[in-house]
Amino acid sequence: MQIILFSACCLFPVCGCDAENMTTLAEVSRPYVGEYRCEKLLLGGEDCMAGYEYVLLTLDRAGNFQLSYLSREGAEGGYGGVYQMNREGDEITFTAKKGLLSVSRNFPIEGGTIVIDVPFRGKLLHAEFVFS
């Protein structure tokens, strides 16, 4: 086993592989894949979380996301699209399509929390999704 590992390590300089361009452990293991629960939901500074049983963001290994919710009145819904995490793991890009229209937005990840700030009906919508 040690001979095989040693041989593989010796091949990197010969094959011209660039260590900086190799896949990182985070890209292979994708530790960010899973379910994120919305812990904070503000619209124009007003708390909106009380109106929902849950708001969930799910990231799968294939690069798809699903945002789903259940209101206190029993209304449920959601939408989905694709996502891409940057190499540093501190920014995520969500892309959603509706018909021919495709919209992409980048959001920071601060301490494992996805922070979303978007304008919505003339106000700032602020949401924080925590890995659960």
N, C-alpha and C. Protein backbone atom coordinates (compact mmCIF):
# COMPACT_ATOMS: atom_id res chain seq x y z
N MET A 1 0.83 -1.19 0.00
CA MET A 1 0.00 0.00 0.00
C MET A 1 0.87 1.25 0.00
N GLN A 2 1.93 1.27 0.82
CA GLN A 2 2.81 2.44 0.87
C GLN A 2 3.50 2.66 -0.47
N ILE A 3 3.84 1.58 -1.15
CA ILE A 3 4.50 1.70 -2.45
C ILE A 3 3.56 2.36 -3.46
N ILE A 4 2.28 1.98 -3.43
CA ILE A 4 1.30 2.57 -4.35
C ILE A 4 1.15 4.05 -4.07
N LEU A 5 1.00 4.43 -2.79
CA LEU A 5 0.87 5.84 -2.45
C LEU A 5 2.12 6.63 -2.84
N PHE A 6 3.30 6.04 -2.59
CA PHE A 6 4.55 6.70 -2.94
C PHE A 6 4.63 6.90 -4.46
N SER A 7 4.25 5.86 -5.22
CA SER A 7 4.27 5.96 -6.68
C SER A 7 3.33 7.04 -7.18
N ALA A 8 2.13 7.09 -6.59
CA ALA A 8 1.16 8.10 -7.01
C ALA A 8 1.68 9.50 -6.71
N CYS A 9 2.31 9.69 -5.56
CA CYS A 9 2.85 11.00 -5.20
C CYS A 9 3.98 11.40 -6.13
N CYS A 10 4.76 10.44 -6.57
CA CYS A 10 5.88 10.74 -7.47
C CYS A 10 5.39 11.13 -8.86
N LEU A 11 4.20 10.72 -9.26
CA LEU A 11 3.68 11.02 -10.59
C LEU A 11 3.26 12.48 -10.75
N PHE A 12 2.85 13.14 -9.66
CA PHE A 12 2.36 14.51 -9.79
C PHE A 12 3.36 15.44 -10.46
N PRO A 13 4.67 15.44 -10.07
CA PRO A 13 5.59 16.34 -10.76
C PRO A 13 5.78 15.96 -12.22
N VAL A 14 5.69 14.67 -12.54
CA VAL A 14 5.91 14.20 -13.90
C VAL A 14 4.73 14.55 -14.81
N CYS A 15 3.50 14.40 -14.29
CA CYS A 15 2.33 14.60 -15.14
C CYS A 15 1.99 16.08 -15.32
N GLY A 16 2.67 16.97 -14.61
CA GLY A 16 2.44 18.39 -14.78
C GLY A 16 1.20 18.88 -14.06
N CYS A 17 0.72 18.15 -13.07
CA CYS A 17 -0.47 18.58 -12.32
C CYS A 17 -0.12 19.80 -11.49
N ASP A 18 -1.00 20.75 -11.48
CA ASP A 18 -0.83 21.97 -10.70
C ASP A 18 -1.62 21.83 -9.41
N ALA A 19 -0.95 21.80 -8.28
CA ALA A 19 -1.61 21.57 -6.99
C ALA A 19 -2.67 22.64 -6.70
N GLU A 20 -2.48 23.85 -7.18
CA GLU A 20 -3.45 24.91 -6.92
C GLU A 20 -4.76 24.69 -7.65
N ASN A 21 -4.72 24.00 -8.78
CA ASN A 21 -5.93 23.78 -9.57
C ASN A 21 -6.60 22.45 -9.28
N MET A 22 -6.04 21.67 -8.37
CA MET A 22 -6.63 20.39 -8.02
C MET A 22 -7.88 20.62 -7.17
N THR A 23 -8.76 19.66 -7.17
CA THR A 23 -9.99 19.74 -6.38
C THR A 23 -9.65 19.73 -4.90
N THR A 24 -10.33 20.58 -4.14
CA THR A 24 -10.10 20.64 -2.70
C THR A 24 -10.94 19.58 -1.99
N LEU A 25 -10.58 19.30 -0.75
CA LEU A 25 -11.33 18.35 0.05
C LEU A 25 -12.78 18.81 0.20
N ALA A 26 -12.99 20.11 0.40
CA ALA A 26 -14.35 20.64 0.54
C ALA A 26 -15.17 20.42 -0.72
N GLU A 27 -14.54 20.53 -1.89
CA GLU A 27 -15.27 20.32 -3.14
C GLU A 27 -15.66 18.86 -3.30
N VAL A 28 -14.82 17.95 -2.82
CA VAL A 28 -15.12 16.53 -2.94
C VAL A 28 -16.14 16.11 -1.90
N SER A 29 -15.95 16.52 -0.64
CA SER A 29 -16.83 16.08 0.44
C SER A 29 -18.13 16.88 0.53
N ARG A 30 -18.12 18.10 0.03
CA ARG A 30 -19.28 19.00 0.04
C ARG A 30 -19.94 19.06 1.42
N PRO A 31 -19.23 19.57 2.40
CA PRO A 31 -19.76 19.60 3.77
C PRO A 31 -20.97 20.52 3.92
N TYR A 32 -21.23 21.35 2.94
CA TYR A 32 -22.35 22.30 2.99
C TYR A 32 -23.66 21.68 2.51
N VAL A 33 -23.63 20.47 1.97
CA VAL A 33 -24.84 19.81 1.47
C VAL A 33 -25.72 19.44 2.66
N GLY A 34 -27.01 19.72 2.53
CA GLY A 34 -27.96 19.37 3.59
C GLY A 34 -29.07 20.38 3.71
N GLU A 35 -29.67 20.40 4.89
CA GLU A 35 -30.83 21.25 5.13
C GLU A 35 -30.46 22.42 6.03
N TYR A 36 -30.93 23.60 5.63
CA TYR A 36 -30.70 24.83 6.39
C TYR A 36 -32.06 25.35 6.83
N ARG A 37 -32.18 25.66 8.09
CA ARG A 37 -33.43 26.20 8.65
C ARG A 37 -33.31 27.71 8.77
N CYS A 38 -34.35 28.41 8.34
CA CYS A 38 -34.36 29.87 8.46
C CYS A 38 -34.56 30.22 9.94
N GLU A 39 -33.60 30.94 10.50
CA GLU A 39 -33.65 31.34 11.90
C GLU A 39 -34.05 32.80 12.06
N LYS A 40 -33.89 33.56 10.99
CA LYS A 40 -34.24 34.98 11.04
C LYS A 40 -34.83 35.36 9.69
N LEU A 41 -36.00 36.02 9.74
CA LEU A 41 -36.66 36.46 8.52
C LEU A 41 -37.28 37.82 8.79
N LEU A 42 -36.67 38.84 8.18
CA LEU A 42 -37.12 40.22 8.39
C LEU A 42 -37.50 40.83 7.05
N LEU A 43 -38.57 41.59 7.06
CA LEU A 43 -38.96 42.36 5.87
C LEU A 43 -39.08 43.80 6.31
N GLY A 44 -38.19 44.63 5.81
CA GLY A 44 -38.16 46.03 6.22
C GLY A 44 -37.89 46.18 7.71
N GLY A 45 -37.12 45.27 8.27
CA GLY A 45 -36.79 45.31 9.69
C GLY A 45 -37.84 44.68 10.59
N GLU A 46 -38.96 44.26 10.03
CA GLU A 46 -40.05 43.65 10.82
C GLU A 46 -39.94 42.13 10.78
N ASP A 47 -40.02 41.50 11.94
CA ASP A 47 -39.89 40.04 12.05
C ASP A 47 -41.08 39.34 11.40
N CYS A 48 -40.79 38.44 10.47
CA CYS A 48 -41.84 37.70 9.77
C CYS A 48 -41.85 36.21 10.11
N MET A 49 -40.90 35.76 10.92
CA MET A 49 -40.77 34.34 11.23
C MET A 49 -42.00 33.78 11.94
N ALA A 50 -42.68 34.61 12.72
CA ALA A 50 -43.86 34.15 13.47
C ALA A 50 -44.98 33.66 12.55
N GLY A 51 -44.96 34.05 11.29
CA GLY A 51 -45.98 33.64 10.34
C GLY A 51 -45.73 32.29 9.70
N TYR A 52 -44.62 31.64 10.05
CA TYR A 52 -44.25 30.37 9.41
C TYR A 52 -43.96 29.28 10.43
N GLU A 53 -44.41 28.08 10.10
CA GLU A 53 -44.01 26.89 10.86
C GLU A 53 -42.54 26.61 10.58
N TYR A 54 -42.18 26.71 9.29
CA TYR A 54 -40.79 26.53 8.89
C TYR A 54 -40.54 27.17 7.54
N VAL A 55 -39.28 27.53 7.34
CA VAL A 55 -38.76 27.93 6.03
C VAL A 55 -37.44 27.18 5.92
N LEU A 56 -37.33 26.31 4.92
CA LEU A 56 -36.15 25.45 4.77
C LEU A 56 -35.47 25.68 3.43
N LEU A 57 -34.17 25.57 3.43
CA LEU A 57 -33.37 25.62 2.22
C LEU A 57 -32.57 24.33 2.19
N THR A 58 -32.75 23.55 1.14
CA THR A 58 -32.06 22.27 1.01
C THR A 58 -31.09 22.33 -0.17
N LEU A 59 -29.84 21.95 0.09
CA LEU A 59 -28.81 21.87 -0.95
C LEU A 59 -28.47 20.40 -1.15
N ASP A 60 -28.56 19.92 -2.40
CA ASP A 60 -28.21 18.52 -2.63
C ASP A 60 -26.83 18.40 -3.29
N ARG A 61 -26.32 17.19 -3.35
CA ARG A 61 -24.98 16.94 -3.88
C ARG A 61 -24.87 17.24 -5.38
N ALA A 62 -25.99 17.20 -6.08
CA ALA A 62 -25.98 17.41 -7.53
C ALA A 62 -25.95 18.90 -7.91
N GLY A 63 -26.02 19.79 -6.89
CA GLY A 63 -25.98 21.22 -7.18
C GLY A 63 -27.35 21.86 -7.31
N ASN A 64 -28.38 21.19 -6.81
CA ASN A 64 -29.74 21.73 -6.84
C ASN A 64 -30.12 22.26 -5.46
N PHE A 65 -30.95 23.31 -5.45
CA PHE A 65 -31.47 23.81 -4.18
C PHE A 65 -32.99 23.79 -4.22
N GLN A 66 -33.58 23.69 -3.05
CA GLN A 66 -35.02 23.75 -2.91
C GLN A 66 -35.33 24.61 -1.69
N LEU A 67 -36.10 25.66 -1.89
CA LEU A 67 -36.57 26.50 -0.80
C LEU A 67 -38.03 26.13 -0.57
N SER A 68 -38.37 25.73 0.64
CA SER A 68 -39.75 25.33 0.93
C SER A 68 -40.20 25.98 2.23
N TYR A 69 -41.51 26.16 2.34
CA TYR A 69 -42.05 26.79 3.54
C TYR A 69 -43.43 26.24 3.86
N LEU A 70 -43.82 26.39 5.12
CA LEU A 70 -45.16 26.09 5.58
C LEU A 70 -45.58 27.22 6.50
N SER A 71 -46.65 27.90 6.12
CA SER A 71 -47.13 29.03 6.93
C SER A 71 -47.93 28.50 8.12
N ARG A 72 -48.16 29.34 9.09
CA ARG A 72 -48.96 28.97 10.27
C ARG A 72 -50.41 28.65 9.86
N GLU A 73 -50.87 29.22 8.74
CA GLU A 73 -52.22 28.95 8.25
C GLU A 73 -52.30 27.66 7.44
N GLY A 74 -51.17 27.01 7.22
CA GLY A 74 -51.15 25.74 6.49
C GLY A 74 -50.80 25.84 5.02
N ALA A 75 -50.53 27.04 4.54
CA ALA A 75 -50.14 27.21 3.13
C ALA A 75 -48.69 26.77 2.97
N GLU A 76 -48.46 25.94 1.97
CA GLU A 76 -47.09 25.52 1.73
C GLU A 76 -46.70 25.81 0.29
N GLY A 77 -45.42 25.94 0.07
CA GLY A 77 -44.94 26.24 -1.26
C GLY A 77 -43.43 26.23 -1.29
N GLY A 78 -42.91 26.68 -2.40
CA GLY A 78 -41.46 26.74 -2.55
C GLY A 78 -41.07 26.88 -3.99
N TYR A 79 -39.80 26.89 -4.21
CA TYR A 79 -39.25 26.91 -5.56
C TYR A 79 -37.82 26.40 -5.49
N GLY A 80 -37.27 26.13 -6.63
CA GLY A 80 -35.93 25.55 -6.67
C GLY A 80 -35.12 26.07 -7.83
N GLY A 81 -33.93 25.55 -7.91
CA GLY A 81 -32.99 25.92 -8.96
C GLY A 81 -31.67 25.23 -8.71
N VAL A 82 -30.63 25.85 -9.17
CA VAL A 82 -29.28 25.29 -8.98
C VAL A 82 -28.45 26.26 -8.14
N TYR A 83 -27.42 25.73 -7.54
CA TYR A 83 -26.52 26.57 -6.75
C TYR A 83 -25.08 26.19 -7.05
N GLN A 84 -24.18 27.09 -6.72
CA GLN A 84 -22.75 26.84 -6.85
C GLN A 84 -22.05 27.52 -5.68
N MET A 85 -21.21 26.76 -5.01
CA MET A 85 -20.43 27.27 -3.88
C MET A 85 -19.06 27.68 -4.42
N ASN A 86 -18.54 28.81 -3.94
CA ASN A 86 -17.20 29.20 -4.39
C ASN A 86 -16.16 28.34 -3.68
N ARG A 87 -14.93 28.37 -4.16
CA ARG A 87 -13.85 27.52 -3.63
C ARG A 87 -13.58 27.76 -2.15
N GLU A 88 -13.71 29.01 -1.72
CA GLU A 88 -13.41 29.35 -0.33
C GLU A 88 -14.55 28.94 0.61
N GLY A 89 -15.73 28.67 0.07
CA GLY A 89 -16.87 28.28 0.88
C GLY A 89 -17.50 29.44 1.63
N ASP A 90 -17.23 30.67 1.16
CA ASP A 90 -17.79 31.83 1.86
C ASP A 90 -18.80 32.59 1.01
N GLU A 91 -19.18 32.01 -0.13
CA GLU A 91 -20.19 32.64 -0.98
C GLU A 91 -20.89 31.56 -1.79
N ILE A 92 -22.20 31.71 -1.92
CA ILE A 92 -23.00 30.77 -2.70
C ILE A 92 -23.79 31.56 -3.75
N THR A 93 -23.94 30.97 -4.92
CA THR A 93 -24.71 31.57 -6.00
C THR A 93 -25.91 30.69 -6.28
N PHE A 94 -27.09 31.28 -6.20
CA PHE A 94 -28.34 30.59 -6.52
C PHE A 94 -28.81 31.07 -7.88
N THR A 95 -29.24 30.13 -8.72
CA THR A 95 -29.80 30.46 -10.02
C THR A 95 -31.16 29.78 -10.14
N ALA A 96 -32.16 30.59 -10.42
CA ALA A 96 -33.52 30.07 -10.60
C ALA A 96 -34.02 30.48 -11.97
N LYS A 97 -34.80 29.61 -12.58
CA LYS A 97 -35.36 29.88 -13.90
C LYS A 97 -36.87 29.89 -13.82
N LYS A 98 -37.45 30.79 -14.59
CA LYS A 98 -38.90 30.81 -14.78
C LYS A 98 -39.12 31.10 -16.25
N GLY A 99 -39.55 30.09 -16.97
CA GLY A 99 -39.69 30.22 -18.41
C GLY A 99 -38.31 30.41 -19.04
N LEU A 100 -38.17 31.47 -19.81
CA LEU A 100 -36.89 31.77 -20.44
C LEU A 100 -36.00 32.66 -19.57
N LEU A 101 -36.57 33.18 -18.49
CA LEU A 101 -35.84 34.08 -17.61
C LEU A 101 -35.03 33.29 -16.59
N SER A 102 -33.77 33.67 -16.43
CA SER A 102 -32.89 33.04 -15.45
C SER A 102 -32.27 34.14 -14.60
N VAL A 103 -32.37 33.99 -13.28
CA VAL A 103 -31.83 34.99 -12.36
C VAL A 103 -30.82 34.33 -11.44
N SER A 104 -29.65 34.95 -11.32
CA SER A 104 -28.60 34.46 -10.41
C SER A 104 -28.28 35.54 -9.40
N ARG A 105 -28.08 35.11 -8.16
CA ARG A 105 -27.70 36.04 -7.09
C ARG A 105 -26.66 35.38 -6.20
N ASN A 106 -25.70 36.18 -5.77
CA ASN A 106 -24.65 35.72 -4.87
C ASN A 106 -24.97 36.16 -3.45
N PHE A 107 -24.70 35.29 -2.49
CA PHE A 107 -24.92 35.61 -1.09
C PHE A 107 -23.74 35.13 -0.25
N PRO A 108 -23.41 35.88 0.78
CA PRO A 108 -22.29 35.48 1.64
C PRO A 108 -22.69 34.36 2.59
N ILE A 109 -21.68 33.63 3.02
CA ILE A 109 -21.85 32.62 4.07
C ILE A 109 -20.95 33.07 5.21
N GLU A 110 -21.57 33.38 6.33
CA GLU A 110 -20.85 33.92 7.49
C GLU A 110 -20.96 32.94 8.65
N GLY A 111 -19.84 32.30 8.99
CA GLY A 111 -19.84 31.34 10.09
C GLY A 111 -20.78 30.17 9.86
N GLY A 112 -20.91 29.72 8.63
CA GLY A 112 -21.79 28.61 8.30
C GLY A 112 -23.24 29.00 8.05
N THR A 113 -23.57 30.27 8.19
CA THR A 113 -24.92 30.77 7.99
C THR A 113 -25.02 31.45 6.63
N ILE A 114 -26.00 31.04 5.83
CA ILE A 114 -26.24 31.68 4.54
C ILE A 114 -27.08 32.92 4.80
N VAL A 115 -26.54 34.08 4.43
CA VAL A 115 -27.19 35.36 4.69
C VAL A 115 -27.74 35.91 3.38
N ILE A 116 -29.05 36.10 3.35
CA ILE A 116 -29.72 36.56 2.14
C ILE A 116 -30.31 37.94 2.38
N ASP A 117 -29.91 38.89 1.56
CA ASP A 117 -30.47 40.25 1.57
C ASP A 117 -30.87 40.58 0.14
N VAL A 118 -32.18 40.77 -0.07
CA VAL A 118 -32.70 41.11 -1.40
C VAL A 118 -33.81 42.14 -1.26
N PRO A 119 -33.94 43.02 -2.26
CA PRO A 119 -35.07 43.94 -2.24
C PRO A 119 -36.35 43.16 -2.57
N PHE A 120 -37.42 43.45 -1.83
CA PHE A 120 -38.70 42.77 -2.05
C PHE A 120 -39.82 43.75 -1.77
N ARG A 121 -40.59 44.08 -2.80
CA ARG A 121 -41.71 45.01 -2.69
C ARG A 121 -41.31 46.33 -2.02
N GLY A 122 -40.18 46.85 -2.43
CA GLY A 122 -39.72 48.14 -1.94
C GLY A 122 -39.07 48.10 -0.56
N LYS A 123 -38.89 46.91 -0.01
CA LYS A 123 -38.26 46.78 1.30
C LYS A 123 -37.13 45.77 1.22
N LEU A 124 -36.28 45.77 2.26
CA LEU A 124 -35.20 44.80 2.31
C LEU A 124 -35.69 43.53 2.99
N LEU A 125 -35.54 42.41 2.28
CA LEU A 125 -35.83 41.10 2.86
C LEU A 125 -34.51 40.53 3.34
N HIS A 126 -34.43 40.23 4.62
CA HIS A 126 -33.22 39.67 5.22
C HIS A 126 -33.56 38.31 5.81
N ALA A 127 -32.81 37.29 5.39
CA ALA A 127 -33.02 35.94 5.89
C ALA A 127 -31.68 35.31 6.26
N GLU A 128 -31.67 34.54 7.33
CA GLU A 128 -30.47 33.82 7.75
C GLU A 128 -30.82 32.34 7.87
N PHE A 129 -30.10 31.52 7.10
CA PHE A 129 -30.32 30.08 7.08
C PHE A 129 -29.14 29.38 7.75
N VAL A 130 -29.46 28.60 8.78
CA VAL A 130 -28.46 27.92 9.58
C VAL A 130 -28.53 26.43 9.30
N PHE A 131 -27.37 25.80 9.11
CA PHE A 131 -27.29 24.37 8.85
C PHE A 131 -27.93 23.61 10.01
N SER A 132 -28.85 22.71 9.69
CA SER A 132 -29.50 21.97 10.78
C SER A 132 -29.18 20.49 10.75
